[in-house]
Amino acid sequence: MALTEGTRIIVAACPDIGIFMTTSEAVSQGDLLGIDSNGYVFPVDSDDGEQGRLVAGSDGASGATIQCYWMAVIDGFTGGTEAAAIYPSTTAGSYTETADTTGSDTNTIVGYVMTETMIMVMPGVRADSTA
């Protein structure tokens, strides 16, 4: 079964109070975020080698200041394979159990499946990797 996203809910995060960052585009709670050269966060995907660094703690429009976490446990998925590695998806901000194999695209492990419905994401902990 493949990991499918539903309504994401952060059930635990670190640091508890979050790191406050400004968005360069709209984000949703639980999104995998990169940091651009201006210090703004944005939802990353596996295309073009962008690396995930933080997790969005809430929804936010472009230019909003939101809480971000360097680690989060996120519930709201279906079909997860326990202990499977999690990678950035080809959809911005989303996650998949399948590493991107297209040249120069990101295939960094950003977390692991805990249960069929819950993942633990720790972007920026592992060395950057591209296909």
N, C-alpha and C. Protein backbone atom coordinates (compact mmCIF):
# COMPACT_ATOMS: atom_id res chain seq x y z
N MET A 1 0.83 -1.17 0.00
CA MET A 1 0.00 0.00 0.00
C MET A 1 0.88 1.24 0.00
N ALA A 2 0.46 2.30 -0.63
CA ALA A 2 1.24 3.53 -0.70
C ALA A 2 0.76 4.54 0.34
N LEU A 3 1.68 5.34 0.81
CA LEU A 3 1.35 6.40 1.75
C LEU A 3 0.49 7.44 1.04
N THR A 4 -0.69 7.70 1.60
CA THR A 4 -1.61 8.68 1.03
C THR A 4 -1.90 9.75 2.06
N GLU A 5 -1.86 11.00 1.65
CA GLU A 5 -2.08 12.10 2.58
C GLU A 5 -3.56 12.41 2.73
N GLY A 6 -3.94 12.72 3.98
CA GLY A 6 -5.27 13.22 4.29
C GLY A 6 -5.11 14.57 4.94
N THR A 7 -5.91 14.85 5.97
CA THR A 7 -5.78 16.08 6.73
C THR A 7 -4.66 15.90 7.75
N ARG A 8 -3.60 16.65 7.60
CA ARG A 8 -2.43 16.49 8.47
C ARG A 8 -2.63 17.20 9.80
N ILE A 9 -2.25 16.52 10.88
CA ILE A 9 -2.32 17.06 12.23
C ILE A 9 -0.97 16.82 12.89
N ILE A 10 -0.35 17.87 13.40
CA ILE A 10 0.92 17.72 14.12
C ILE A 10 0.60 17.30 15.54
N VAL A 11 1.06 16.12 15.95
CA VAL A 11 0.78 15.61 17.29
C VAL A 11 1.93 15.83 18.26
N ALA A 12 3.12 16.10 17.76
CA ALA A 12 4.28 16.42 18.59
C ALA A 12 5.27 17.16 17.71
N ALA A 13 6.04 18.08 18.32
CA ALA A 13 7.01 18.83 17.54
C ALA A 13 8.12 19.35 18.44
N CYS A 14 9.25 19.67 17.82
CA CYS A 14 10.37 20.21 18.56
C CYS A 14 10.98 21.33 17.71
N PRO A 15 11.33 22.48 18.24
CA PRO A 15 11.11 22.85 19.63
C PRO A 15 9.63 23.07 19.89
N ASP A 16 9.20 22.91 21.14
CA ASP A 16 7.79 23.00 21.49
C ASP A 16 7.15 24.30 21.03
N ILE A 17 7.85 25.41 21.15
CA ILE A 17 7.26 26.70 20.77
C ILE A 17 7.47 27.05 19.31
N GLY A 18 8.30 26.29 18.61
CA GLY A 18 8.52 26.54 17.20
C GLY A 18 9.51 27.66 16.94
N ILE A 19 9.93 27.74 15.70
CA ILE A 19 10.83 28.77 15.20
C ILE A 19 9.95 29.62 14.28
N PHE A 20 9.93 30.91 14.45
CA PHE A 20 9.05 31.75 13.63
C PHE A 20 9.77 32.18 12.37
N MET A 21 9.15 31.89 11.23
CA MET A 21 9.72 32.18 9.92
C MET A 21 8.65 32.82 9.04
N THR A 22 9.08 33.59 8.04
CA THR A 22 8.17 34.22 7.08
C THR A 22 8.11 33.37 5.82
N THR A 23 6.91 33.22 5.26
CA THR A 23 6.72 32.40 4.07
C THR A 23 6.90 33.22 2.80
N SER A 24 7.45 32.60 1.76
CA SER A 24 7.55 33.28 0.46
C SER A 24 6.39 32.89 -0.45
N GLU A 25 5.63 31.88 -0.03
CA GLU A 25 4.42 31.46 -0.73
C GLU A 25 3.53 30.74 0.27
N ALA A 26 2.30 30.45 -0.10
CA ALA A 26 1.36 29.81 0.82
C ALA A 26 1.87 28.43 1.25
N VAL A 27 1.66 28.10 2.53
CA VAL A 27 2.03 26.80 3.07
C VAL A 27 0.87 26.23 3.86
N SER A 28 0.89 24.92 4.07
CA SER A 28 -0.12 24.23 4.87
C SER A 28 0.55 23.53 6.05
N GLN A 29 -0.19 23.36 7.13
CA GLN A 29 0.35 22.67 8.30
C GLN A 29 0.94 21.32 7.90
N GLY A 30 2.15 21.06 8.39
CA GLY A 30 2.82 19.79 8.09
C GLY A 30 3.66 19.80 6.84
N ASP A 31 3.60 20.87 6.04
CA ASP A 31 4.39 20.93 4.81
C ASP A 31 5.89 20.81 5.10
N LEU A 32 6.59 20.15 4.21
CA LEU A 32 8.05 20.11 4.23
C LEU A 32 8.53 21.42 3.62
N LEU A 33 9.36 22.16 4.37
CA LEU A 33 9.76 23.49 3.94
C LEU A 33 11.25 23.60 3.66
N GLY A 34 11.58 24.37 2.65
CA GLY A 34 12.95 24.77 2.39
C GLY A 34 13.11 26.21 2.82
N ILE A 35 14.34 26.69 2.80
CA ILE A 35 14.62 28.08 3.13
C ILE A 35 15.34 28.70 1.94
N ASP A 36 14.77 29.80 1.41
CA ASP A 36 15.37 30.42 0.23
C ASP A 36 16.51 31.36 0.62
N SER A 37 17.15 31.95 -0.37
CA SER A 37 18.33 32.79 -0.14
C SER A 37 18.01 34.07 0.64
N ASN A 38 16.73 34.43 0.73
CA ASN A 38 16.31 35.60 1.50
C ASN A 38 15.89 35.24 2.92
N GLY A 39 15.96 33.95 3.27
CA GLY A 39 15.59 33.51 4.61
C GLY A 39 14.11 33.22 4.78
N TYR A 40 13.37 33.14 3.68
CA TYR A 40 11.94 32.81 3.74
C TYR A 40 11.75 31.31 3.52
N VAL A 41 10.67 30.77 4.09
CA VAL A 41 10.38 29.35 3.91
C VAL A 41 9.34 29.15 2.81
N PHE A 42 9.41 27.99 2.16
CA PHE A 42 8.49 27.64 1.08
C PHE A 42 8.36 26.13 1.02
N PRO A 43 7.22 25.60 0.53
CA PRO A 43 7.05 24.15 0.43
C PRO A 43 7.97 23.58 -0.66
N VAL A 44 8.75 22.56 -0.32
CA VAL A 44 9.66 21.95 -1.30
C VAL A 44 9.05 20.69 -1.90
N ASP A 45 9.52 20.35 -3.07
CA ASP A 45 9.21 19.06 -3.68
C ASP A 45 10.54 18.43 -4.09
N SER A 46 10.49 17.25 -4.64
CA SER A 46 11.73 16.56 -4.98
C SER A 46 12.37 17.08 -6.26
N ASP A 47 11.63 17.84 -7.04
CA ASP A 47 12.15 18.36 -8.30
C ASP A 47 13.26 19.40 -8.07
N ASP A 48 14.26 19.38 -8.89
CA ASP A 48 15.33 20.39 -8.91
C ASP A 48 16.26 20.38 -7.71
N GLY A 49 16.26 19.35 -6.91
CA GLY A 49 17.24 19.22 -5.84
C GLY A 49 17.01 20.10 -4.61
N GLU A 50 15.81 20.69 -4.45
CA GLU A 50 15.54 21.50 -3.27
C GLU A 50 15.49 20.60 -2.03
N GLN A 51 16.09 21.06 -0.94
CA GLN A 51 16.18 20.26 0.28
C GLN A 51 15.22 20.78 1.35
N GLY A 52 14.57 19.86 2.07
CA GLY A 52 13.70 20.22 3.18
C GLY A 52 14.52 20.53 4.42
N ARG A 53 14.13 21.56 5.16
CA ARG A 53 14.85 21.96 6.37
C ARG A 53 13.95 22.05 7.60
N LEU A 54 12.66 22.36 7.41
CA LEU A 54 11.73 22.56 8.51
C LEU A 54 10.37 21.99 8.16
N VAL A 55 9.47 21.96 9.15
CA VAL A 55 8.08 21.53 8.96
C VAL A 55 7.18 22.69 9.36
N ALA A 56 6.17 23.00 8.54
CA ALA A 56 5.24 24.08 8.84
C ALA A 56 4.34 23.70 10.00
N GLY A 57 4.27 24.58 11.00
CA GLY A 57 3.43 24.33 12.17
C GLY A 57 1.98 24.76 11.98
N SER A 58 1.72 25.53 10.93
CA SER A 58 0.35 25.99 10.67
C SER A 58 0.24 26.39 9.21
N ASP A 59 -1.00 26.66 8.78
CA ASP A 59 -1.22 27.20 7.45
C ASP A 59 -0.76 28.65 7.44
N GLY A 60 -0.36 29.14 6.28
CA GLY A 60 0.02 30.54 6.16
C GLY A 60 0.04 30.98 4.72
N ALA A 61 -0.46 32.19 4.47
CA ALA A 61 -0.42 32.78 3.14
C ALA A 61 0.99 33.28 2.86
N SER A 62 1.26 33.64 1.63
CA SER A 62 2.55 34.23 1.29
C SER A 62 2.76 35.48 2.11
N GLY A 63 3.94 35.60 2.73
CA GLY A 63 4.27 36.75 3.55
C GLY A 63 3.87 36.62 5.01
N ALA A 64 3.22 35.51 5.37
CA ALA A 64 2.81 35.29 6.76
C ALA A 64 4.00 34.82 7.59
N THR A 65 3.95 35.10 8.89
CA THR A 65 4.93 34.56 9.82
C THR A 65 4.29 33.38 10.53
N ILE A 66 4.92 32.21 10.41
CA ILE A 66 4.36 30.98 10.99
C ILE A 66 5.38 30.29 11.88
N GLN A 67 4.88 29.41 12.76
CA GLN A 67 5.78 28.56 13.53
C GLN A 67 6.26 27.44 12.64
N CYS A 68 7.54 27.09 12.78
CA CYS A 68 8.13 25.98 12.04
C CYS A 68 8.87 25.11 13.04
N TYR A 69 9.02 23.85 12.70
CA TYR A 69 9.69 22.90 13.59
C TYR A 69 10.80 22.16 12.85
N TRP A 70 11.86 21.78 13.55
CA TRP A 70 12.92 20.98 12.93
C TRP A 70 12.60 19.49 13.03
N MET A 71 11.57 19.14 13.85
CA MET A 71 11.10 17.75 13.95
C MET A 71 9.62 17.78 14.26
N ALA A 72 8.85 16.90 13.62
CA ALA A 72 7.41 16.82 13.92
C ALA A 72 6.91 15.40 13.68
N VAL A 73 5.94 15.00 14.50
CA VAL A 73 5.18 13.77 14.28
C VAL A 73 3.86 14.22 13.71
N ILE A 74 3.53 13.72 12.53
CA ILE A 74 2.34 14.17 11.79
C ILE A 74 1.41 12.99 11.57
N ASP A 75 0.15 13.15 11.96
CA ASP A 75 -0.89 12.14 11.77
C ASP A 75 -1.79 12.60 10.63
N GLY A 76 -2.55 11.66 10.05
CA GLY A 76 -3.51 12.02 9.01
C GLY A 76 -3.24 11.35 7.67
N PHE A 77 -2.45 10.31 7.67
CA PHE A 77 -2.14 9.58 6.44
C PHE A 77 -2.87 8.24 6.43
N THR A 78 -2.87 7.57 5.31
CA THR A 78 -3.34 6.19 5.23
C THR A 78 -2.33 5.40 4.42
N GLY A 79 -2.28 4.10 4.64
CA GLY A 79 -1.46 3.21 3.83
C GLY A 79 0.02 3.24 4.07
N GLY A 80 0.49 3.84 5.17
CA GLY A 80 1.91 3.89 5.45
C GLY A 80 2.46 2.52 5.80
N THR A 81 3.69 2.25 5.41
CA THR A 81 4.37 1.00 5.73
C THR A 81 5.29 1.27 6.91
N GLU A 82 4.98 0.68 8.06
CA GLU A 82 5.76 0.94 9.28
C GLU A 82 7.25 0.79 9.04
N ALA A 83 8.03 1.76 9.52
CA ALA A 83 9.49 1.82 9.45
C ALA A 83 10.01 2.21 8.07
N ALA A 84 9.14 2.45 7.10
CA ALA A 84 9.60 2.87 5.76
C ALA A 84 10.17 4.27 5.83
N ALA A 85 11.16 4.53 5.01
CA ALA A 85 11.74 5.87 4.89
C ALA A 85 10.75 6.80 4.19
N ILE A 86 10.83 8.09 4.55
CA ILE A 86 9.99 9.13 3.95
C ILE A 86 10.88 10.09 3.17
N TYR A 87 10.44 10.45 1.97
CA TYR A 87 11.16 11.36 1.09
C TYR A 87 10.26 12.53 0.69
N PRO A 88 10.84 13.62 0.17
CA PRO A 88 9.99 14.67 -0.41
C PRO A 88 9.25 14.11 -1.62
N SER A 89 8.00 14.50 -1.77
CA SER A 89 7.18 14.09 -2.90
C SER A 89 7.43 15.02 -4.09
N THR A 90 6.90 14.68 -5.25
CA THR A 90 6.94 15.57 -6.40
C THR A 90 5.90 16.68 -6.25
N THR A 91 5.01 16.56 -5.25
CA THR A 91 4.03 17.59 -4.93
C THR A 91 4.60 18.46 -3.81
N ALA A 92 4.67 19.76 -4.01
CA ALA A 92 5.28 20.67 -3.04
C ALA A 92 4.70 20.50 -1.64
N GLY A 93 5.60 20.32 -0.66
CA GLY A 93 5.23 20.21 0.74
C GLY A 93 4.84 18.82 1.19
N SER A 94 4.67 17.88 0.25
CA SER A 94 4.15 16.55 0.57
C SER A 94 5.26 15.51 0.71
N TYR A 95 4.85 14.31 1.15
CA TYR A 95 5.78 13.23 1.47
C TYR A 95 5.41 11.96 0.71
N THR A 96 6.41 11.10 0.52
CA THR A 96 6.21 9.82 -0.14
C THR A 96 7.18 8.79 0.42
N GLU A 97 6.86 7.52 0.22
CA GLU A 97 7.77 6.43 0.60
C GLU A 97 8.71 6.07 -0.55
N THR A 98 8.58 6.73 -1.68
CA THR A 98 9.36 6.40 -2.87
C THR A 98 10.38 7.49 -3.18
N ALA A 99 11.65 7.13 -3.20
CA ALA A 99 12.70 8.10 -3.52
C ALA A 99 12.63 8.48 -4.98
N ASP A 100 12.83 9.76 -5.28
CA ASP A 100 12.88 10.25 -6.65
C ASP A 100 14.16 9.74 -7.30
N THR A 101 14.06 9.22 -8.51
CA THR A 101 15.22 8.68 -9.21
C THR A 101 15.64 9.52 -10.41
N THR A 102 14.94 10.64 -10.64
CA THR A 102 15.28 11.51 -11.76
C THR A 102 16.56 12.28 -11.42
N GLY A 103 17.49 12.35 -12.34
CA GLY A 103 18.77 13.01 -12.12
C GLY A 103 18.62 14.42 -11.56
N SER A 104 19.41 14.72 -10.54
CA SER A 104 19.47 16.02 -9.86
C SER A 104 18.25 16.33 -8.99
N ASP A 105 17.28 15.42 -8.89
CA ASP A 105 16.13 15.62 -8.02
C ASP A 105 16.46 15.12 -6.61
N THR A 106 15.79 15.67 -5.61
CA THR A 106 16.06 15.33 -4.22
C THR A 106 15.57 13.93 -3.88
N ASN A 107 16.43 13.15 -3.23
CA ASN A 107 16.01 11.86 -2.71
C ASN A 107 16.51 11.67 -1.27
N THR A 108 16.61 12.78 -0.53
CA THR A 108 17.05 12.75 0.86
C THR A 108 15.96 12.16 1.74
N ILE A 109 16.32 11.24 2.63
CA ILE A 109 15.37 10.73 3.62
C ILE A 109 15.09 11.85 4.61
N VAL A 110 13.81 12.20 4.79
CA VAL A 110 13.43 13.27 5.72
C VAL A 110 12.70 12.75 6.94
N GLY A 111 12.44 11.45 7.00
CA GLY A 111 11.76 10.88 8.16
C GLY A 111 11.39 9.43 7.93
N TYR A 112 10.52 8.92 8.82
CA TYR A 112 10.13 7.52 8.78
C TYR A 112 8.65 7.36 9.12
N VAL A 113 8.05 6.31 8.59
CA VAL A 113 6.67 5.97 8.92
C VAL A 113 6.66 5.31 10.29
N MET A 114 5.81 5.81 11.18
CA MET A 114 5.68 5.23 12.52
C MET A 114 4.56 4.20 12.56
N THR A 115 3.40 4.58 12.01
CA THR A 115 2.25 3.69 11.91
C THR A 115 1.63 3.90 10.54
N GLU A 116 0.59 3.19 10.21
CA GLU A 116 -0.07 3.35 8.92
C GLU A 116 -0.55 4.78 8.70
N THR A 117 -0.81 5.52 9.79
CA THR A 117 -1.37 6.87 9.67
C THR A 117 -0.45 7.98 10.13
N MET A 118 0.73 7.65 10.69
CA MET A 118 1.57 8.65 11.33
C MET A 118 3.02 8.56 10.85
N ILE A 119 3.62 9.74 10.59
CA ILE A 119 5.02 9.79 10.20
C ILE A 119 5.78 10.70 11.16
N MET A 120 7.09 10.46 11.28
CA MET A 120 7.97 11.34 12.02
C MET A 120 8.92 11.96 11.01
N VAL A 121 8.94 13.30 10.95
CA VAL A 121 9.74 14.02 9.97
C VAL A 121 10.82 14.80 10.69
N MET A 122 12.07 14.64 10.22
CA MET A 122 13.23 15.34 10.77
C MET A 122 14.08 15.87 9.62
N PRO A 123 13.55 16.85 8.87
CA PRO A 123 14.32 17.34 7.72
C PRO A 123 15.59 18.05 8.17
N GLY A 124 16.59 17.98 7.36
CA GLY A 124 17.85 18.66 7.67
C GLY A 124 18.77 17.89 8.58
N VAL A 125 18.35 16.69 9.03
CA VAL A 125 19.18 15.89 9.94
C VAL A 125 20.15 15.02 9.14
N ARG A 126 19.71 14.53 8.00
CA ARG A 126 20.57 13.69 7.16
C ARG A 126 21.28 14.53 6.11
N ALA A 127 22.39 14.03 5.60
CA ALA A 127 23.11 14.74 4.54
C ALA A 127 22.23 14.89 3.31
N ASP A 128 22.34 16.04 2.63
CA ASP A 128 21.58 16.28 1.40
C ASP A 128 21.91 15.21 0.38
N SER A 129 20.91 14.80 -0.38
CA SER A 129 21.10 13.77 -1.38
C SER A 129 20.25 14.05 -2.60
N THR A 130 20.83 13.85 -3.78
CA THR A 130 20.07 13.95 -5.02
C THR A 130 20.32 12.71 -5.85
N ALA A 131 19.35 12.41 -6.72
CA ALA A 131 19.44 11.21 -7.57
C ALA A 131 20.55 11.37 -8.58
